[in-house]
Protein backbone atom coordinates (compact mmCIF):
# COMPACT_ATOMS: atom_id res chain seq x y z
CA MET A 1 8.03 5.15 -14.74
CA ASP A 2 11.16 7.56 -14.04
CA HIS A 3 14.65 6.27 -13.49
CA SER A 4 14.62 6.56 -9.74
CA LEU A 5 11.52 4.70 -9.29
CA ALA A 6 12.83 2.11 -11.62
CA LYS A 7 15.81 1.77 -9.88
CA PHE A 8 13.87 1.58 -6.58
CA THR A 9 12.05 -1.06 -7.83
CA GLN A 10 15.02 -3.26 -8.66
CA GLU A 11 16.37 -2.52 -5.13
CA ILE A 12 12.92 -3.85 -3.79
CA ASP A 13 12.97 -6.99 -5.71
CA GLY A 14 16.55 -7.78 -4.81
CA TRP A 15 15.74 -6.93 -1.00
CA ILE A 16 12.75 -9.48 -1.22
CA GLU A 17 14.71 -12.24 -2.75
CA LEU A 18 17.07 -11.99 0.07
CA HIS A 19 14.86 -11.45 3.14
CA CYS A 20 11.56 -12.93 2.55
CA PRO A 21 11.73 -16.95 2.86
CA GLU A 22 10.13 -18.94 0.30
CA SER A 23 7.49 -19.86 3.14
CA MET A 24 6.22 -16.35 3.62
CA ARG A 25 5.71 -16.15 -0.15
CA THR A 26 2.25 -18.53 0.10
CA PRO A 27 -1.20 -17.93 1.21
CA MET A 28 -1.51 -17.58 4.96
CA PRO A 29 -3.95 -19.49 7.05
CA VAL A 30 -5.17 -17.68 10.07
CA SER A 31 -3.35 -20.11 12.46
CA GLU A 32 -0.10 -18.58 11.06
CA GLN A 33 -1.03 -15.04 11.22
CA VAL A 34 1.19 -12.80 13.52
CA TRP A 35 -0.71 -10.30 15.34
CA ALA A 36 1.29 -7.33 16.89
CA SER A 37 1.26 -7.86 20.66
CA SER A 38 3.03 -7.24 23.66
CA ASN A 39 3.44 -10.90 23.64
CA ILE A 40 3.86 -11.60 20.09
CA HIS A 41 4.01 -14.80 18.71
CA PHE A 42 5.66 -16.44 15.64
CA PRO A 43 4.28 -19.66 14.63
CA SER A 44 7.84 -20.57 12.65
CA LYS A 45 11.48 -19.10 12.33
CA ASP A 46 10.65 -17.98 8.98
CA SER A 47 7.73 -15.76 10.04
CA LYS A 48 9.97 -14.13 12.73
CA ASP A 49 12.64 -13.43 10.16
CA TRP A 50 10.33 -11.73 7.82
CA PHE A 51 8.97 -9.79 10.65
CA ASN A 52 12.32 -8.36 11.59
CA ALA A 53 13.21 -7.57 8.27
CA MET A 54 10.38 -5.65 7.81
CA VAL A 55 10.25 -3.95 11.05
CA SER A 56 13.87 -3.06 10.26
CA LYS A 57 13.29 -1.44 7.40
CA GLY A 58 10.16 0.38 8.72
CA TRP A 59 8.37 -1.12 5.82
CA CYS A 60 5.26 -2.23 8.12
CA THR A 61 4.60 1.32 8.07
CA PRO A 62 6.16 2.64 4.93
CA GLU A 63 5.10 6.39 4.60
CA TRP A 64 5.26 7.28 8.24
CA PRO A 65 8.46 9.51 9.45
CA LYS A 66 11.41 7.70 10.18
CA GLU A 67 11.36 9.10 13.51
CA PHE A 68 8.17 7.46 14.32
CA GLY A 69 9.38 4.08 13.13
CA GLY A 70 8.32 4.30 9.62
CA GLY A 71 10.02 3.97 6.18
CA GLY A 72 9.98 7.52 5.32
CA LEU A 73 8.89 6.56 1.60
CA THR A 74 7.29 8.97 -0.44
CA PHE A 75 3.72 7.90 -2.03
CA ASP A 76 5.01 6.57 -5.20
CA GLU A 77 7.82 4.30 -3.60
CA SER A 78 5.19 3.15 -1.05
CA LYS A 79 3.00 2.02 -3.75
CA ILE A 80 5.64 0.39 -5.69
CA LEU A 81 6.82 -1.62 -2.37
CA LYS A 82 3.24 -2.82 -2.12
CA GLN A 83 2.74 -3.84 -5.48
CA ARG A 84 6.19 -5.81 -5.69
CA LEU A 85 5.22 -7.42 -2.20
CA LYS A 86 2.11 -8.50 -3.62
CA PHE A 87 3.85 -9.58 -6.82
CA PHE A 88 6.01 -12.05 -4.82
CA GLY A 89 3.12 -13.21 -2.84
CA CYS A 90 4.71 -11.97 0.28
CA ARG A 91 2.75 -12.49 3.46
CA PRO A 92 1.66 -9.55 5.50
CA ALA A 93 4.75 -9.32 8.33
CA GLN A 94 2.05 -8.31 11.05
CA ILE A 95 -1.53 -7.94 11.54
CA ASN A 96 -1.96 -4.55 13.37
CA PHE A 97 -5.20 -2.35 13.72
CA GLY A 98 -2.69 0.20 15.22
CA ILE A 99 -1.16 0.62 11.56
CA SER A 100 -4.48 0.76 9.57
CA MET A 101 -6.57 2.66 11.83
CA LEU A 102 -5.10 4.22 15.05
CA GLY A 103 -1.76 4.99 13.52
CA PRO A 104 -3.13 7.51 10.81
CA VAL A 105 -5.31 9.06 13.30
CA LEU A 106 -2.33 9.83 15.66
CA LEU A 107 -0.48 11.18 12.86
CA GLU A 108 -3.16 13.68 12.08
CA PHE A 109 -4.66 14.59 15.60
CA GLY A 110 -2.01 13.29 18.06
CA THR A 111 0.36 15.62 20.17
CA ASP A 112 4.13 15.24 19.51
CA GLU A 113 4.43 13.51 22.91
CA GLN A 114 1.48 10.94 22.01
CA LYS A 115 3.21 10.35 18.58
CA GLN A 116 6.60 9.56 20.15
CA GLU A 117 4.93 7.34 22.70
CA PHE A 118 2.76 5.04 20.55
CA LEU A 119 3.78 5.16 16.85
CA PRO A 120 7.15 3.50 17.00
CA LYS A 121 5.60 0.87 18.95
CA ILE A 122 2.78 0.41 16.57
CA SER A 123 5.10 0.16 13.72
CA ARG A 124 7.26 -2.50 15.51
CA GLY A 125 4.17 -4.29 16.51
CA GLU A 126 4.52 -4.10 20.14
CA ILE A 127 0.89 -3.25 21.11
CA TRP A 128 -2.41 -5.38 20.27
CA TRP A 129 -4.97 -2.91 19.73
CA CYS A 130 -8.73 -3.01 19.69
CA GLN A 131 -11.53 -0.79 19.02
CA GLY A 132 -14.01 0.29 21.57
CA PHE A 133 -16.99 2.17 19.70
CA SER A 134 -20.08 0.20 19.53
CA GLU A 135 -22.29 -0.53 22.75
CA PRO A 136 -25.48 -2.67 23.28
CA GLY A 137 -27.46 0.78 22.79
CA ALA A 138 -25.37 2.19 20.08
CA GLY A 139 -24.39 0.38 17.07
CA SER A 140 -25.32 1.89 13.88
CA ASP A 141 -26.15 5.27 15.99
CA LEU A 142 -22.53 5.45 17.52
CA ALA A 143 -23.10 8.90 18.84
CA ASN A 144 -25.57 7.18 21.13
CA ILE A 145 -22.79 6.01 23.37
CA SER A 146 -23.36 5.86 27.34
CA THR A 147 -20.06 4.90 28.57
CA THR A 148 -18.91 7.73 30.68
CA ALA A 149 -15.49 9.24 31.56
CA SER A 150 -15.39 11.71 34.30
CA LEU A 151 -11.96 13.98 34.93
CA SER A 152 -10.13 14.24 37.98
CA ASN A 153 -6.32 14.99 38.73
CA GLY A 154 -5.18 14.29 35.26
CA LYS A 155 -7.01 10.71 35.18
CA TYR A 156 -10.39 9.81 33.65
CA THR A 157 -12.52 7.13 35.32
CA ILE A 158 -14.39 5.01 32.85
CA GLU A 159 -17.83 3.33 33.69
CA GLY A 160 -19.90 1.24 30.86
CA SER A 161 -19.46 -1.43 28.52
CA LYS A 162 -18.28 -1.84 24.83
CA ILE A 163 -19.68 -4.77 22.48
CA TRP A 164 -18.50 -6.29 19.15
CA THR A 165 -15.02 -5.37 20.12
CA SER A 166 -12.74 -7.50 17.95
CA GLU A 167 -10.12 -9.61 19.87
CA ALA A 168 -10.36 -7.62 23.07
CA ASN A 169 -9.71 -10.75 25.10
CA LYS A 170 -6.01 -10.68 23.66
CA ALA A 171 -5.53 -6.73 23.36
CA ASP A 172 -2.99 -4.80 25.22
CA TRP A 173 -4.65 -1.46 24.75
CA MET A 174 -8.18 -0.12 23.32
CA TYR A 175 -8.93 3.22 21.43
CA CYS A 176 -12.30 4.13 22.99
CA LEU A 177 -15.06 6.73 22.72
CA VAL A 178 -16.38 7.89 25.86
CA ARG A 179 -18.96 10.42 26.95
CA THR A 180 -17.61 13.22 28.57
CA ASP A 181 -20.56 15.78 28.64
CA LYS A 182 -24.30 14.69 28.89
CA THR A 183 -25.66 18.38 28.56
CA VAL A 184 -24.98 18.89 24.95
CA LYS A 185 -25.83 17.55 21.41
CA LYS A 186 -24.75 13.63 21.71
CA GLN A 187 -21.97 14.08 18.98
CA ALA A 188 -20.80 17.10 20.85
CA GLY A 189 -20.20 15.38 24.23
CA ILE A 190 -17.86 12.66 23.24
CA SER A 191 -13.88 12.19 23.50
CA PHE A 192 -11.72 9.67 22.18
CA VAL A 193 -9.20 8.25 24.79
CA LEU A 194 -6.52 5.33 24.96
CA ILE A 195 -6.98 2.73 27.46
CA ASP A 196 -4.52 0.27 29.02
CA LEU A 197 -6.44 -2.82 29.37
CA LYS A 198 -3.80 -4.51 31.47
CA GLN A 199 -5.38 -3.12 34.68
CA PRO A 200 -8.14 -4.24 37.07
CA ASN A 201 -11.82 -3.87 36.98
CA ILE A 202 -11.93 -4.83 33.31
CA ASP A 203 -14.31 -7.79 32.45
CA ILE A 204 -14.03 -9.19 28.90
CA LYS A 205 -16.34 -11.65 27.69
CA PRO A 206 -15.94 -13.46 24.29
CA ILE A 207 -19.00 -13.72 22.14
CA GLN A 208 -19.79 -17.07 20.42
CA LEU A 209 -20.43 -16.72 16.62
CA LEU A 210 -22.04 -19.32 14.25
CA SER A 211 -18.45 -19.70 12.88
CA GLY A 212 -17.45 -21.28 16.03
CA GLN A 213 -14.93 -18.74 16.59
CA SER A 214 -14.97 -15.62 19.14
CA PRO A 215 -13.20 -12.66 17.83
CA PHE A 216 -16.09 -10.51 19.15
CA CYS A 217 -16.06 -9.69 22.96
CA GLN A 218 -18.04 -7.46 25.16
CA VAL A 219 -15.91 -5.37 27.58
CA PHE A 220 -17.26 -4.09 30.99
CA PHE A 221 -15.70 -1.16 32.67
CA ASP A 222 -16.13 -0.47 36.46
CA ASN A 223 -13.77 2.17 37.75
CA VAL A 224 -11.07 2.10 34.94
CA HIS A 225 -8.85 4.63 34.27
CA ALA A 226 -7.08 6.54 31.52
CA ASN A 227 -4.38 9.33 31.49
CA GLU A 228 -5.60 12.76 30.41
CA SER A 229 -2.51 12.84 28.47
CA HIS A 230 -3.92 9.58 26.52
CA ARG A 231 -6.85 11.75 25.08
CA ILE A 232 -6.63 12.20 21.39
CA ALA A 233 -7.77 15.94 20.48
CA ALA A 234 -9.57 18.14 22.98
CA GLU A 235 -12.10 16.91 25.66
CA ASN A 236 -15.89 16.65 23.83
CA ASP A 237 -14.07 16.84 20.37
CA GLY A 238 -13.77 13.04 19.87
CA TRP A 239 -16.54 12.69 17.42
CA LYS A 240 -14.31 14.28 14.39
CA VAL A 241 -11.57 11.81 15.40
CA ALA A 242 -13.82 8.77 15.47
CA LYS A 243 -15.29 10.02 12.08
CA ARG A 244 -11.68 9.83 10.61
CA LEU A 245 -10.95 6.55 12.00
CA LEU A 246 -13.96 4.89 10.43
CA GLN A 247 -12.84 6.29 7.29
CA PHE A 248 -9.52 4.54 7.69
CA GLU A 249 -11.43 1.06 8.83
CA ARG A 250 -13.61 1.26 5.79
CA ILE A 251 -10.60 1.66 3.67
CA MET A 252 -8.90 -1.35 5.47
CA MET A 253 -12.08 -3.55 4.97
CA VAL A 254 -11.93 -2.74 1.32
CA ASP A 255 -8.17 -4.09 1.31
CA MET A 256 -8.57 -7.18 3.42
CA GLU A 257 -5.97 -9.01 1.96
CA SER A 258 -3.35 -6.26 3.15
CA GLU A 259 -4.74 -7.26 6.66
CA GLY A 260 -4.13 -11.05 6.22
CA ALA A 261 -7.47 -12.17 5.52
CA VAL A 262 -7.80 -15.68 4.38
CA ASP A 263 -8.64 -15.98 0.82
CA VAL A 264 -9.66 -19.20 -1.05
CA GLU A 265 -10.39 -18.77 -4.80
CA PRO A 266 -13.57 -19.84 -5.82
CA LEU A 267 -12.40 -20.74 -9.43
CA LYS A 268 -9.89 -22.97 -8.25
CA VAL A 269 -12.47 -24.80 -5.87
CA PHE A 270 -14.68 -25.20 -8.80
CA ARG A 271 -12.15 -26.81 -10.90
CA ASP A 272 -11.37 -29.32 -8.22
CA SER A 273 -14.86 -30.12 -7.43
CA HIS A 274 -16.30 -30.34 -10.92
CA PRO A 275 -14.15 -32.34 -13.07
CA SER A 276 -16.66 -32.76 -15.64
CA ALA A 277 -19.10 -29.88 -16.80
CA SER A 278 -22.90 -30.06 -16.56
CA LEU A 279 -25.57 -27.19 -17.52
CA GLY A 280 -25.67 -26.31 -13.73
CA SER A 281 -22.00 -26.28 -13.09
CA LYS A 282 -21.52 -23.98 -16.41
CA LYS A 283 -23.98 -21.48 -15.00
CA LEU A 284 -22.09 -21.59 -11.70
CA LEU A 285 -18.71 -21.20 -13.77
CA GLN A 286 -20.33 -18.18 -15.48
CA LYS A 287 -21.13 -16.53 -11.93
CA ILE A 288 -17.59 -17.08 -10.70
CA ILE A 289 -16.20 -15.53 -13.88
CA ALA A 290 -18.55 -12.50 -13.25
CA HIS A 291 -17.39 -12.12 -9.78
CA GLU A 292 -13.96 -12.19 -10.68
CA MET A 293 -14.17 -9.35 -13.07
CA ARG A 294 -16.28 -7.19 -10.42
CA LYS A 295 -13.04 -7.96 -7.93
CA HIS A 296 -10.66 -6.86 -10.67
CA LEU A 297 -12.58 -3.75 -11.08
CA ILE A 298 -12.79 -2.85 -7.31
CA GLU A 299 -8.98 -3.45 -7.19
CA MET A 300 -8.44 -1.01 -10.05
CA THR A 301 -10.92 1.63 -8.34
CA MET A 302 -8.64 1.02 -5.13
CA SER A 303 -5.69 1.84 -6.79
CA ARG A 304 -7.34 4.92 -8.21
CA THR A 305 -8.67 5.99 -5.01
CA ALA A 306 -5.33 5.77 -3.26
CA VAL A 307 -3.84 8.37 -5.57
CA GLU A 308 -6.92 10.48 -5.07
CA SER A 309 -6.76 10.26 -1.33
CA GLN A 310 -3.12 11.79 -1.37
CA ASN A 311 -4.88 15.21 -1.27
CA GLY A 312 -7.42 14.17 1.48
CA PHE A 313 -10.15 11.30 1.67
CA SER A 314 -11.75 10.12 -1.76
CA PRO A 315 -15.55 9.80 -1.90
CA ALA A 316 -14.72 6.66 -3.53
CA GLY A 317 -13.69 4.99 -0.40
CA LEU A 318 -17.30 5.02 0.78
CA ILE A 319 -18.53 3.22 -2.10
CA LEU A 320 -15.59 0.67 -2.13
CA LYS A 321 -16.72 -0.42 1.37
CA TYR A 322 -19.98 -0.98 0.45
CA LEU A 323 -19.22 -2.94 -3.05
CA SER A 324 -16.09 -4.85 -1.60
CA THR A 325 -17.89 -6.24 1.40
CA GLU A 326 -20.89 -7.21 -0.46
CA GLU A 327 -18.66 -8.68 -3.10
CA THR A 328 -16.73 -10.55 -0.39
CA GLN A 329 -19.90 -12.27 0.93
CA THR A 330 -20.40 -13.24 -2.70
CA ARG A 331 -16.99 -14.75 -2.90
CA TRP A 332 -17.75 -17.18 -0.08
CA GLU A 333 -21.08 -17.94 -1.19
CA LEU A 334 -19.61 -18.89 -4.49
CA ASN A 335 -17.15 -21.19 -2.65
CA VAL A 336 -19.89 -23.15 -0.99
CA SER A 337 -21.74 -23.50 -4.14
CA SER A 338 -18.35 -24.80 -5.91
CA LEU A 339 -18.09 -27.50 -3.03
CA GLY A 340 -21.53 -28.86 -4.16
CA MET A 341 -23.67 -30.86 -1.79
CA GLY A 342 -22.32 -31.07 1.76
CA GLY A 343 -19.73 -28.26 1.08
CA LEU A 344 -21.10 -26.43 3.93
CA GLU A 345 -20.11 -28.32 7.26
CA ILE A 346 -19.90 -27.56 10.94
CA VAL A 347 -16.64 -25.85 11.61
CA ASP A 348 -15.54 -28.04 14.27
CA HIS A 349 -16.35 -31.03 12.46
CA SER A 350 -14.51 -30.21 9.07
CA ALA A 351 -11.22 -30.12 7.69
CA GLY A 352 -8.82 -28.71 4.98
CA VAL A 353 -10.56 -26.54 2.25
CA LYS A 354 -14.09 -26.98 3.86
CA LYS A 355 -13.03 -26.08 7.01
CA GLU A 356 -11.78 -22.82 5.79
CA VAL A 357 -14.54 -22.13 3.42
CA SER A 358 -17.50 -22.84 6.05
CA LYS A 359 -15.56 -20.90 8.67
CA SER A 360 -14.98 -17.95 6.49
CA PHE A 361 -18.31 -18.17 5.12
CA PHE A 362 -20.09 -17.59 8.60
CA TYR A 363 -17.73 -15.04 9.45
CA SER A 364 -18.03 -13.08 6.20
CA LYS A 365 -21.72 -12.36 7.27
CA ALA A 366 -20.15 -9.74 9.91
CA TYR A 367 -18.26 -7.68 7.06
CA THR A 368 -21.46 -5.96 5.89
CA ILE A 369 -22.09 -4.95 9.66
CA ALA A 370 -18.74 -3.88 10.70
CA GLY A 371 -17.23 -0.51 10.20
CA GLY A 372 -21.06 0.70 9.32
CA SER A 373 -23.55 -1.49 7.91
CA SER A 374 -24.33 -1.59 4.38
CA GLU A 375 -27.59 0.21 5.04
CA VAL A 376 -25.61 2.97 6.71
CA GLN A 377 -23.17 3.11 4.07
CA LEU A 378 -25.98 3.33 1.46
CA ASN A 379 -27.32 6.62 3.63
CA ILE A 380 -23.78 8.13 3.67
CA ILE A 381 -23.25 7.68 -0.01
CA SER A 382 -26.80 9.19 -0.54
CA LYS A 383 -26.08 12.20 1.63
CA ASN A 384 -22.46 13.14 0.88
CA ILE A 385 -21.75 11.89 -2.70
CA LEU A 386 -25.26 12.05 -4.27
CA GLY A 387 -26.67 14.79 -2.06
CA LEU A 388 -30.04 13.09 -2.04
CA ILE A 389 -30.43 13.33 1.66
CA SER A 390 -30.57 17.09 3.49
């Protein structure tokens, strides 16, 4: 490490010690997550202070230009910041799909006006974004969307429905795929628009899941409007934007911890639940150790991929999404096994670590579907990396 980066590391450490409260250096339960929103909620004064400190430095978006609310850091500086935040166990200051998915797309495809309008608000956590991609008839075959948008006098009129829309019932805005031309190849007739959800004629219905939570919703549009100025890229050219955003989503899903995902360590659960070792428990322990080794290798590959991605998207990101989501499911299965008989309970009837394990175990089944199912990912890997599908 050169002298300037070593000095920067010392400055980061000193800043964290001064501005990150001790309570913000602990694992974060779901109930204490801070979601970006026009009506942002802080569970404690410490969480608000930590949020304000990070936002004031632009460090929620460290590599974004300062003019858009970012930190203006170089890649190496941003990498050090993330490493030191992780070293001190700092919680994410905010959970924000705008930062991890929409923001990078705006930086790449947005107009100057769009960047000025949305990026500072995203960095400051002022908008809760949701993603309007999947439909009842367009899941893995995403280009089959049927939600339509017709343009008149600078406004699109939108009709149709989106499904599996995470947190739509709490969101302020949606980035959405709409069909603007039915006469061409389906990928060629799609546009990418931003929709203000605080308007009439939008019906949002939560979908109850096995975990007892309802993070997913179905959204119905009936004579809903979006400004032409809020279309990203040219009309009918939204497919390229969608593909790029999905790349960012898959990267985010690889690094779930950065998005505040709850984690429970199987090894700790195992030790708390197995004071004496039996033959069966030793086999389980071996599985846990093997899992931890794979998890560490995935994290190392993530670091390498981040470096490779400086000059464009790294194909390793496609592989990592598949590996990491499959491994995440394994992690929660090991947690359930470590709890032993009765470890898996009805979420509403459980408490403590059993509640966290049961809830996350059920929810983890969505990881290998969201952002492109594992089966779709394997096809993408076969075609784009191995060249096995023409």
